[in-house]
Amino acid sequence: MKQVQEPIRQVFAKNLKKHRGNLKYSQEKLAEKAGLSVQTIKDIEGGRRWVSDDSLSKLAKALSMLEFQLFLPEKYEKDKKYKKSTLKNLTSLKIRIKAYMDEQFEKSIDSGDFS
C-alpha cells in the first residue's frame, strides 16, 4: 500500500505544535517568545496561514531549533541514522564555511582591501 505524504503545510503545523508542546509552551507563550501575535500562531498551527521567512526564523529561535527541523516529517525525526547523517552534513558545511571565511579574511588583510 502506497503511503500518502502530508502536504508541507500540515507537516509544519504539526511540528510547530509538537515542539511547542514539548517545551510546555502555550500558544500565548510561544507568541510572546517569537514576537508574533497569538492569532498568527493559531492560524499557522491550524494550517490557515503559511509562515513567512521572518516568522519562521523567529519561531525556530523561540523553540531553540533550526528552521529546517520544523519541516521534517515525523518519520525522519525517529530515524537516528538520518539525524546522525544530517548533523554530520551540517557540521561539515559549518567547517567549510568557516574555512572559506577565514581565507577571505586573510586575503583582505594581506591586500589591504576592506571594501
N, C-alpha and C. Protein backbone atom coordinates (compact mmCIF):
# COMPACT_ATOMS: atom_id res chain seq x y z
N MET A 1 0.83 -1.18 0.00
CA MET A 1 0.00 0.00 0.00
C MET A 1 0.88 1.25 0.00
N LYS A 2 0.63 2.13 -0.91
CA LYS A 2 1.42 3.35 -1.03
C LYS A 2 1.01 4.35 0.06
N GLN A 3 2.04 4.87 0.73
CA GLN A 3 1.77 5.82 1.80
C GLN A 3 1.62 7.22 1.21
N VAL A 4 0.57 7.92 1.61
CA VAL A 4 0.33 9.27 1.13
C VAL A 4 1.12 10.24 2.01
N GLN A 5 1.86 11.12 1.38
CA GLN A 5 2.64 12.09 2.14
C GLN A 5 1.78 13.29 2.49
N GLU A 6 2.03 13.82 3.67
CA GLU A 6 1.31 15.00 4.11
C GLU A 6 1.84 16.23 3.39
N PRO A 7 0.96 17.15 3.06
CA PRO A 7 1.44 18.42 2.48
C PRO A 7 2.35 19.15 3.48
N ILE A 8 3.27 19.90 2.96
CA ILE A 8 4.29 20.56 3.79
C ILE A 8 3.66 21.46 4.85
N ARG A 9 2.55 22.10 4.53
CA ARG A 9 1.90 22.98 5.50
C ARG A 9 1.42 22.18 6.71
N GLN A 10 0.89 20.98 6.47
CA GLN A 10 0.43 20.13 7.57
C GLN A 10 1.60 19.63 8.41
N VAL A 11 2.68 19.26 7.75
CA VAL A 11 3.88 18.79 8.46
C VAL A 11 4.40 19.92 9.35
N PHE A 12 4.48 21.11 8.78
CA PHE A 12 4.99 22.26 9.54
C PHE A 12 4.09 22.55 10.74
N ALA A 13 2.78 22.60 10.52
CA ALA A 13 1.83 22.91 11.60
C ALA A 13 1.92 21.86 12.71
N LYS A 14 2.00 20.59 12.32
CA LYS A 14 2.09 19.51 13.31
C LYS A 14 3.38 19.62 14.11
N ASN A 15 4.49 19.89 13.42
CA ASN A 15 5.78 20.00 14.10
C ASN A 15 5.81 21.20 15.04
N LEU A 16 5.26 22.31 14.60
CA LEU A 16 5.24 23.50 15.43
C LEU A 16 4.48 23.21 16.73
N LYS A 17 3.33 22.61 16.59
CA LYS A 17 2.50 22.29 17.76
C LYS A 17 3.21 21.29 18.68
N LYS A 18 3.84 20.27 18.07
CA LYS A 18 4.53 19.25 18.86
C LYS A 18 5.71 19.84 19.64
N HIS A 19 6.54 20.63 18.95
CA HIS A 19 7.71 21.19 19.62
C HIS A 19 7.31 22.23 20.67
N ARG A 20 6.26 22.96 20.40
CA ARG A 20 5.73 23.90 21.40
C ARG A 20 5.28 23.12 22.63
N GLY A 21 4.59 22.01 22.40
CA GLY A 21 4.12 21.17 23.50
C GLY A 21 5.26 20.54 24.28
N ASN A 22 6.32 20.13 23.56
CA ASN A 22 7.48 19.54 24.23
C ASN A 22 8.11 20.51 25.22
N LEU A 23 8.05 21.80 24.89
CA LEU A 23 8.60 22.83 25.78
C LEU A 23 7.56 23.31 26.79
N LYS A 24 6.36 22.74 26.70
CA LYS A 24 5.24 23.13 27.56
C LYS A 24 4.90 24.62 27.41
N TYR A 25 5.02 25.10 26.17
CA TYR A 25 4.64 26.48 25.86
C TYR A 25 3.17 26.49 25.41
N SER A 26 2.43 27.43 25.92
CA SER A 26 1.09 27.68 25.37
C SER A 26 1.28 28.45 24.07
N GLN A 27 0.23 28.59 23.31
CA GLN A 27 0.32 29.41 22.09
C GLN A 27 0.69 30.84 22.47
N GLU A 28 0.18 31.31 23.57
CA GLU A 28 0.48 32.66 24.04
C GLU A 28 1.96 32.82 24.39
N LYS A 29 2.51 31.81 25.06
CA LYS A 29 3.93 31.86 25.46
C LYS A 29 4.83 31.84 24.22
N LEU A 30 4.50 30.97 23.25
CA LEU A 30 5.30 30.92 22.03
C LEU A 30 5.20 32.24 21.27
N ALA A 31 4.00 32.80 21.19
CA ALA A 31 3.81 34.08 20.51
C ALA A 31 4.67 35.17 21.15
N GLU A 32 4.69 35.18 22.47
CA GLU A 32 5.50 36.17 23.19
C GLU A 32 6.98 35.98 22.91
N LYS A 33 7.46 34.73 23.03
CA LYS A 33 8.88 34.45 22.80
C LYS A 33 9.31 34.75 21.37
N ALA A 34 8.41 34.51 20.41
CA ALA A 34 8.74 34.71 18.99
C ALA A 34 8.44 36.13 18.51
N GLY A 35 7.76 36.91 19.32
CA GLY A 35 7.41 38.26 18.90
C GLY A 35 6.32 38.28 17.82
N LEU A 36 5.43 37.31 17.89
CA LEU A 36 4.33 37.20 16.93
C LEU A 36 3.01 37.28 17.69
N SER A 37 1.94 37.48 16.97
CA SER A 37 0.63 37.53 17.63
C SER A 37 0.15 36.11 17.92
N VAL A 38 -0.70 36.00 18.92
CA VAL A 38 -1.29 34.70 19.26
C VAL A 38 -2.12 34.21 18.08
N GLN A 39 -2.81 35.11 17.41
CA GLN A 39 -3.64 34.72 16.26
C GLN A 39 -2.77 34.14 15.14
N THR A 40 -1.59 34.69 14.95
CA THR A 40 -0.67 34.16 13.93
C THR A 40 -0.29 32.72 14.26
N ILE A 41 0.04 32.46 15.53
CA ILE A 41 0.38 31.10 15.96
C ILE A 41 -0.80 30.17 15.72
N LYS A 42 -1.99 30.60 16.12
CA LYS A 42 -3.19 29.78 15.94
C LYS A 42 -3.43 29.48 14.46
N ASP A 43 -3.27 30.50 13.62
CA ASP A 43 -3.51 30.32 12.18
C ASP A 43 -2.48 29.39 11.54
N ILE A 44 -1.22 29.51 11.95
CA ILE A 44 -0.18 28.64 11.41
C ILE A 44 -0.41 27.20 11.85
N GLU A 45 -0.65 27.00 13.14
CA GLU A 45 -0.89 25.64 13.65
C GLU A 45 -2.16 25.04 13.06
N GLY A 46 -3.13 25.87 12.74
CA GLY A 46 -4.38 25.39 12.16
C GLY A 46 -4.30 25.20 10.66
N GLY A 47 -3.14 25.53 10.06
CA GLY A 47 -2.96 25.37 8.62
C GLY A 47 -3.68 26.43 7.79
N ARG A 48 -4.12 27.50 8.43
CA ARG A 48 -4.84 28.55 7.72
C ARG A 48 -3.93 29.63 7.18
N ARG A 49 -2.69 29.64 7.65
CA ARG A 49 -1.74 30.67 7.24
C ARG A 49 -0.38 30.03 7.04
N TRP A 50 0.30 30.46 6.01
CA TRP A 50 1.67 29.99 5.77
C TRP A 50 2.62 30.92 6.50
N VAL A 51 3.75 30.41 6.85
CA VAL A 51 4.72 31.16 7.64
C VAL A 51 5.66 31.94 6.71
N SER A 52 5.94 33.20 7.05
CA SER A 52 6.90 33.98 6.28
C SER A 52 8.31 33.58 6.70
N ASP A 53 9.29 33.96 5.91
CA ASP A 53 10.67 33.60 6.28
C ASP A 53 11.07 34.25 7.60
N ASP A 54 10.62 35.47 7.84
CA ASP A 54 10.94 36.17 9.09
C ASP A 54 10.28 35.45 10.28
N SER A 55 9.02 35.10 10.13
CA SER A 55 8.31 34.39 11.20
C SER A 55 8.92 33.01 11.44
N LEU A 56 9.33 32.35 10.38
CA LEU A 56 9.97 31.04 10.51
C LEU A 56 11.21 31.15 11.38
N SER A 57 12.05 32.13 11.11
CA SER A 57 13.26 32.33 11.91
C SER A 57 12.94 32.62 13.36
N LYS A 58 11.94 33.45 13.58
CA LYS A 58 11.55 33.78 14.95
C LYS A 58 11.02 32.56 15.70
N LEU A 59 10.21 31.76 15.02
CA LEU A 59 9.66 30.57 15.66
C LEU A 59 10.76 29.56 15.99
N ALA A 60 11.65 29.33 15.04
CA ALA A 60 12.74 28.38 15.27
C ALA A 60 13.61 28.83 16.45
N LYS A 61 13.92 30.11 16.49
CA LYS A 61 14.73 30.63 17.59
C LYS A 61 14.00 30.47 18.92
N ALA A 62 12.70 30.78 18.95
CA ALA A 62 11.91 30.65 20.17
C ALA A 62 11.84 29.20 20.65
N LEU A 63 11.91 28.26 19.70
CA LEU A 63 11.86 26.84 20.04
C LEU A 63 13.25 26.22 20.19
N SER A 64 14.29 27.04 20.04
CA SER A 64 15.69 26.59 20.14
C SER A 64 15.99 25.46 19.17
N MET A 65 15.63 25.69 17.91
CA MET A 65 15.91 24.70 16.88
C MET A 65 16.26 25.40 15.57
N LEU A 66 16.67 24.62 14.60
CA LEU A 66 16.97 25.15 13.28
C LEU A 66 15.70 25.14 12.43
N GLU A 67 15.59 26.10 11.54
CA GLU A 67 14.39 26.25 10.74
C GLU A 67 14.00 24.98 9.99
N PHE A 68 14.97 24.31 9.39
CA PHE A 68 14.65 23.14 8.57
C PHE A 68 14.01 22.02 9.38
N GLN A 69 14.30 21.97 10.68
CA GLN A 69 13.77 20.90 11.51
C GLN A 69 12.24 20.96 11.62
N LEU A 70 11.68 22.14 11.44
CA LEU A 70 10.23 22.27 11.51
C LEU A 70 9.53 21.71 10.27
N PHE A 71 10.30 21.39 9.25
CA PHE A 71 9.73 20.84 8.01
C PHE A 71 9.92 19.34 7.87
N LEU A 72 10.61 18.72 8.81
CA LEU A 72 10.90 17.29 8.69
C LEU A 72 9.68 16.44 9.05
N PRO A 73 9.28 15.55 8.16
CA PRO A 73 8.18 14.64 8.51
C PRO A 73 8.57 13.78 9.70
N GLU A 74 7.59 13.30 10.42
CA GLU A 74 7.81 12.54 11.66
C GLU A 74 8.74 11.35 11.47
N LYS A 75 8.66 10.68 10.33
CA LYS A 75 9.50 9.50 10.12
C LYS A 75 10.98 9.83 10.19
N TYR A 76 11.38 11.05 9.79
CA TYR A 76 12.79 11.43 9.84
C TYR A 76 13.24 11.75 11.25
N GLU A 77 12.34 12.26 12.05
CA GLU A 77 12.71 12.57 13.43
C GLU A 77 13.00 11.32 14.22
N LYS A 78 12.36 10.21 13.87
CA LYS A 78 12.55 8.95 14.58
C LYS A 78 13.75 8.17 14.05
N ASP A 79 14.25 8.53 12.88
CA ASP A 79 15.32 7.80 12.23
C ASP A 79 16.67 8.32 12.71
N LYS A 80 17.30 7.60 13.65
CA LYS A 80 18.58 8.05 14.22
C LYS A 80 19.67 8.13 13.16
N LYS A 81 19.63 7.23 12.19
CA LYS A 81 20.63 7.25 11.12
C LYS A 81 20.51 8.55 10.33
N TYR A 82 19.28 8.97 10.05
CA TYR A 82 19.05 10.22 9.31
C TYR A 82 19.53 11.40 10.15
N LYS A 83 19.20 11.41 11.43
CA LYS A 83 19.62 12.50 12.30
C LYS A 83 21.14 12.63 12.32
N LYS A 84 21.80 11.47 12.46
CA LYS A 84 23.26 11.47 12.54
C LYS A 84 23.88 11.98 11.23
N SER A 85 23.35 11.55 10.09
CA SER A 85 23.90 11.99 8.81
C SER A 85 23.61 13.47 8.58
N THR A 86 22.45 13.95 9.02
CA THR A 86 22.13 15.37 8.87
C THR A 86 23.07 16.21 9.71
N LEU A 87 23.29 15.81 10.95
CA LEU A 87 24.20 16.53 11.82
C LEU A 87 25.61 16.52 11.24
N LYS A 88 26.03 15.37 10.70
CA LYS A 88 27.36 15.27 10.09
C LYS A 88 27.47 16.23 8.91
N ASN A 89 26.44 16.28 8.07
CA ASN A 89 26.46 17.19 6.91
C ASN A 89 26.49 18.65 7.34
N LEU A 90 25.70 18.99 8.34
CA LEU A 90 25.68 20.37 8.83
C LEU A 90 27.02 20.76 9.44
N THR A 91 27.62 19.84 10.19
CA THR A 91 28.92 20.11 10.79
C THR A 91 29.98 20.31 9.71
N SER A 92 29.93 19.48 8.69
CA SER A 92 30.87 19.60 7.57
C SER A 92 30.69 20.94 6.86
N LEU A 93 29.44 21.32 6.63
CA LEU A 93 29.15 22.60 5.98
C LEU A 93 29.67 23.76 6.82
N LYS A 94 29.46 23.70 8.12
CA LYS A 94 29.95 24.75 9.02
C LYS A 94 31.47 24.89 8.92
N ILE A 95 32.16 23.77 8.91
CA ILE A 95 33.63 23.79 8.83
C ILE A 95 34.09 24.40 7.51
N ARG A 96 33.42 24.01 6.41
CA ARG A 96 33.80 24.56 5.10
C ARG A 96 33.52 26.05 5.02
N ILE A 97 32.40 26.50 5.56
CA ILE A 97 32.09 27.93 5.53
C ILE A 97 33.09 28.71 6.37
N LYS A 98 33.42 28.19 7.54
CA LYS A 98 34.40 28.87 8.40
C LYS A 98 35.75 28.96 7.70
N ALA A 99 36.19 27.88 7.07
CA ALA A 99 37.48 27.89 6.36
C ALA A 99 37.46 28.92 5.24
N TYR A 100 36.35 28.98 4.50
CA TYR A 100 36.23 29.96 3.41
C TYR A 100 36.27 31.38 3.95
N MET A 101 35.54 31.64 5.04
CA MET A 101 35.52 32.97 5.63
C MET A 101 36.89 33.36 6.16
N ASP A 102 37.57 32.42 6.80
CA ASP A 102 38.93 32.69 7.29
C ASP A 102 39.85 33.03 6.13
N GLU A 103 39.74 32.29 5.03
CA GLU A 103 40.56 32.53 3.84
C GLU A 103 40.28 33.92 3.26
N GLN A 104 39.02 34.29 3.15
CA GLN A 104 38.66 35.60 2.62
C GLN A 104 39.15 36.72 3.54
N PHE A 105 39.06 36.50 4.83
CA PHE A 105 39.53 37.48 5.80
C PHE A 105 41.04 37.69 5.65
N GLU A 106 41.78 36.59 5.56
CA GLU A 106 43.23 36.69 5.40
C GLU A 106 43.61 37.41 4.10
N LYS A 107 42.90 37.11 3.02
CA LYS A 107 43.15 37.79 1.74
C LYS A 107 42.92 39.28 1.86
N SER A 108 41.86 39.67 2.56
CA SER A 108 41.56 41.10 2.76
C SER A 108 42.67 41.78 3.55
N ILE A 109 43.16 41.12 4.58
CA ILE A 109 44.24 41.69 5.40
C ILE A 109 45.50 41.81 4.57
N ASP A 110 45.84 40.76 3.83
CA ASP A 110 47.06 40.78 3.02
C ASP A 110 47.02 41.86 1.94
N SER A 111 45.87 42.03 1.33
CA SER A 111 45.76 43.00 0.24
C SER A 111 45.45 44.40 0.73
N GLY A 112 44.99 44.53 1.96
CA GLY A 112 44.60 45.84 2.48
C GLY A 112 43.28 46.31 1.91
N ASP A 113 42.58 45.45 1.20
CA ASP A 113 41.30 45.80 0.57
C ASP A 113 40.15 45.40 1.50
N PHE A 114 39.52 46.38 2.11
CA PHE A 114 38.42 46.11 3.05
C PHE A 114 37.08 46.58 2.49
N SER A 115 36.98 46.68 1.18
CA SER A 115 35.72 47.16 0.58
C SER A 115 34.69 46.09 0.51
